[in-house]
Amino acid sequence: MGTAEATAERTEGSGLPRPTPGVPLGRRRTGLAVALVGLPLLTLVLVLTEGTLGLGSVLLLYLLADVVTAAIGRLPAGILAAGVSVLAANWFFVPPFHTLASTPVTASSSWSSSPWLP
């Protein structure tokens, strides 16, 4: 007898396993805990190692943490992790630092001033 046969309930007469109703409560709680504890720890480590990683690498680490959190806790934990990641990355790693505003793009730094574009 396989593990799928041992854990899944069988529907009457069809012999097929009945689908499970969703993610267990313990797994959802674990996902929320990963979002609420893991992301602040990641932020602390990234702040302490400031200057060693570029913004792209920092954002990829946050994305990895979001994907892991969403894989464990599914949609609610993934949405929470994404929101916390965006706010933390913007606050700590995007200039001007320690604000949620971003630096406006000026005409001299935009693509419109590129000599390769008409």
Protein backbone atom coordinates (compact mmCIF):
# COMPACT_ATOMS: atom_id res chain seq x y z
CA MET A 1 0.00 0.00 0.00
CA GLY A 2 1.50 3.37 -1.08
CA THR A 3 1.55 6.53 0.95
CA ALA A 4 -1.10 8.16 -1.24
CA GLU A 5 -3.40 5.25 -0.58
CA ALA A 6 -2.74 5.36 3.16
CA THR A 7 -3.33 9.09 3.63
CA ALA A 8 -6.09 9.92 1.16
CA GLU A 9 -9.69 8.98 1.76
CA ARG A 10 -11.36 6.99 -0.97
CA THR A 11 -14.64 8.00 -2.52
CA GLU A 12 -17.29 5.33 -2.56
CA GLY A 13 -17.21 3.12 -5.62
CA SER A 14 -14.68 5.05 -7.69
CA GLY A 15 -11.47 4.02 -5.91
CA LEU A 16 -10.00 7.50 -6.49
CA PRO A 17 -8.63 9.61 -3.65
CA ARG A 18 -10.76 12.53 -2.53
CA PRO A 19 -8.99 15.89 -2.95
CA THR A 20 -7.83 17.53 0.24
CA PRO A 21 -9.65 20.74 1.21
CA GLY A 22 -6.53 22.96 1.28
CA VAL A 23 -3.34 23.74 3.12
CA PRO A 24 -3.33 22.53 6.72
CA LEU A 25 -3.53 25.19 9.42
CA GLY A 26 -0.09 24.34 10.80
CA ARG A 27 1.53 24.87 7.42
CA ARG A 28 -0.22 28.23 6.99
CA ARG A 29 1.00 29.30 10.43
CA THR A 30 4.53 28.20 9.55
CA GLY A 31 4.38 30.29 6.36
CA LEU A 32 3.23 33.34 8.30
CA ALA A 33 6.00 32.77 10.86
CA VAL A 34 8.57 32.59 8.05
CA ALA A 35 7.24 35.88 6.68
CA LEU A 36 7.17 37.65 10.05
CA VAL A 37 10.48 36.30 11.41
CA GLY A 38 12.53 35.32 8.35
CA LEU A 39 12.21 38.56 6.42
CA PRO A 40 13.28 40.80 9.33
CA LEU A 41 16.25 38.48 9.92
CA LEU A 42 17.17 38.67 6.23
CA THR A 43 16.90 42.46 6.41
CA LEU A 44 19.15 42.54 9.49
CA VAL A 45 21.80 40.42 7.77
CA LEU A 46 21.65 42.56 4.63
CA VAL A 47 21.93 45.80 6.61
CA LEU A 48 24.92 44.45 8.55
CA THR A 49 26.64 43.48 5.30
CA GLU A 50 25.80 46.81 3.65
CA GLY A 51 27.88 47.61 0.62
CA THR A 52 28.88 44.06 -0.23
CA LEU A 53 25.82 43.36 -2.41
CA GLY A 54 24.25 45.51 -5.07
CA LEU A 55 20.57 46.44 -5.14
CA GLY A 56 19.80 43.74 -7.71
CA SER A 57 21.28 41.02 -5.51
CA VAL A 58 19.39 42.31 -2.47
CA LEU A 59 16.12 42.27 -4.40
CA LEU A 60 16.79 38.74 -5.63
CA LEU A 61 17.34 37.57 -2.05
CA TYR A 62 14.03 39.12 -1.04
CA LEU A 63 12.37 37.43 -4.01
CA LEU A 64 13.83 34.08 -2.94
CA ALA A 65 12.47 34.61 0.58
CA ASP A 66 9.05 35.50 -0.87
CA VAL A 67 8.95 32.36 -3.02
CA VAL A 68 9.97 30.12 -0.11
CA THR A 69 7.36 31.75 2.12
CA ALA A 70 4.63 31.38 -0.50
CA ALA A 71 5.58 27.75 -1.11
CA ILE A 72 5.19 26.98 2.58
CA GLY A 73 2.19 29.10 3.54
CA ARG A 74 0.55 29.61 0.15
CA LEU A 75 -1.25 32.82 -0.88
CA PRO A 76 -1.80 34.71 2.41
CA ALA A 77 1.79 34.23 3.58
CA GLY A 78 3.12 35.00 0.10
CA ILE A 79 1.19 38.27 -0.12
CA LEU A 80 2.36 39.29 3.35
CA ALA A 81 5.96 38.42 2.50
CA ALA A 82 5.82 40.37 -0.77
CA GLY A 83 4.48 43.47 0.99
CA VAL A 84 7.04 43.31 3.79
CA SER A 85 9.85 42.73 1.26
CA VAL A 86 8.91 45.73 -0.87
CA LEU A 87 8.71 48.03 2.14
CA ALA A 88 11.96 46.76 3.69
CA ALA A 89 13.90 46.93 0.42
CA ASN A 90 12.65 50.44 -0.29
CA TRP A 91 13.32 51.68 3.25
CA PHE A 92 16.82 50.26 3.69
CA PHE A 93 18.36 49.86 0.22
CA VAL A 94 16.82 52.33 -2.27
CA PRO A 95 18.06 55.94 -2.23
CA PRO A 96 17.02 58.20 -0.55
CA PHE A 97 17.51 55.83 2.39
CA HIS A 98 15.07 55.54 5.30
CA THR A 99 12.11 56.92 3.36
CA LEU A 100 9.51 55.23 1.21
CA ALA A 101 10.03 57.80 -1.54
CA SER A 102 12.27 57.08 -4.47
CA THR A 103 14.61 59.40 -6.31
CA PRO A 104 12.88 61.00 -9.29
CA VAL A 105 14.31 60.32 -12.72
CA THR A 106 15.79 63.44 -14.25
CA ALA A 107 16.07 64.18 -17.93
CA SER A 108 19.84 63.74 -17.84
CA SER A 109 19.59 60.21 -16.44
CA SER A 110 16.65 58.96 -18.47
CA TRP A 111 16.68 56.94 -21.68
CA SER A 112 15.45 59.93 -23.64
CA SER A 113 18.91 61.52 -23.47
CA SER A 114 20.61 58.45 -24.87
CA PRO A 115 22.49 59.11 -28.12
CA TRP A 116 21.24 55.78 -29.52
CA LEU A 117 17.57 56.70 -29.29
CA PRO A 118 15.91 59.20 -31.65
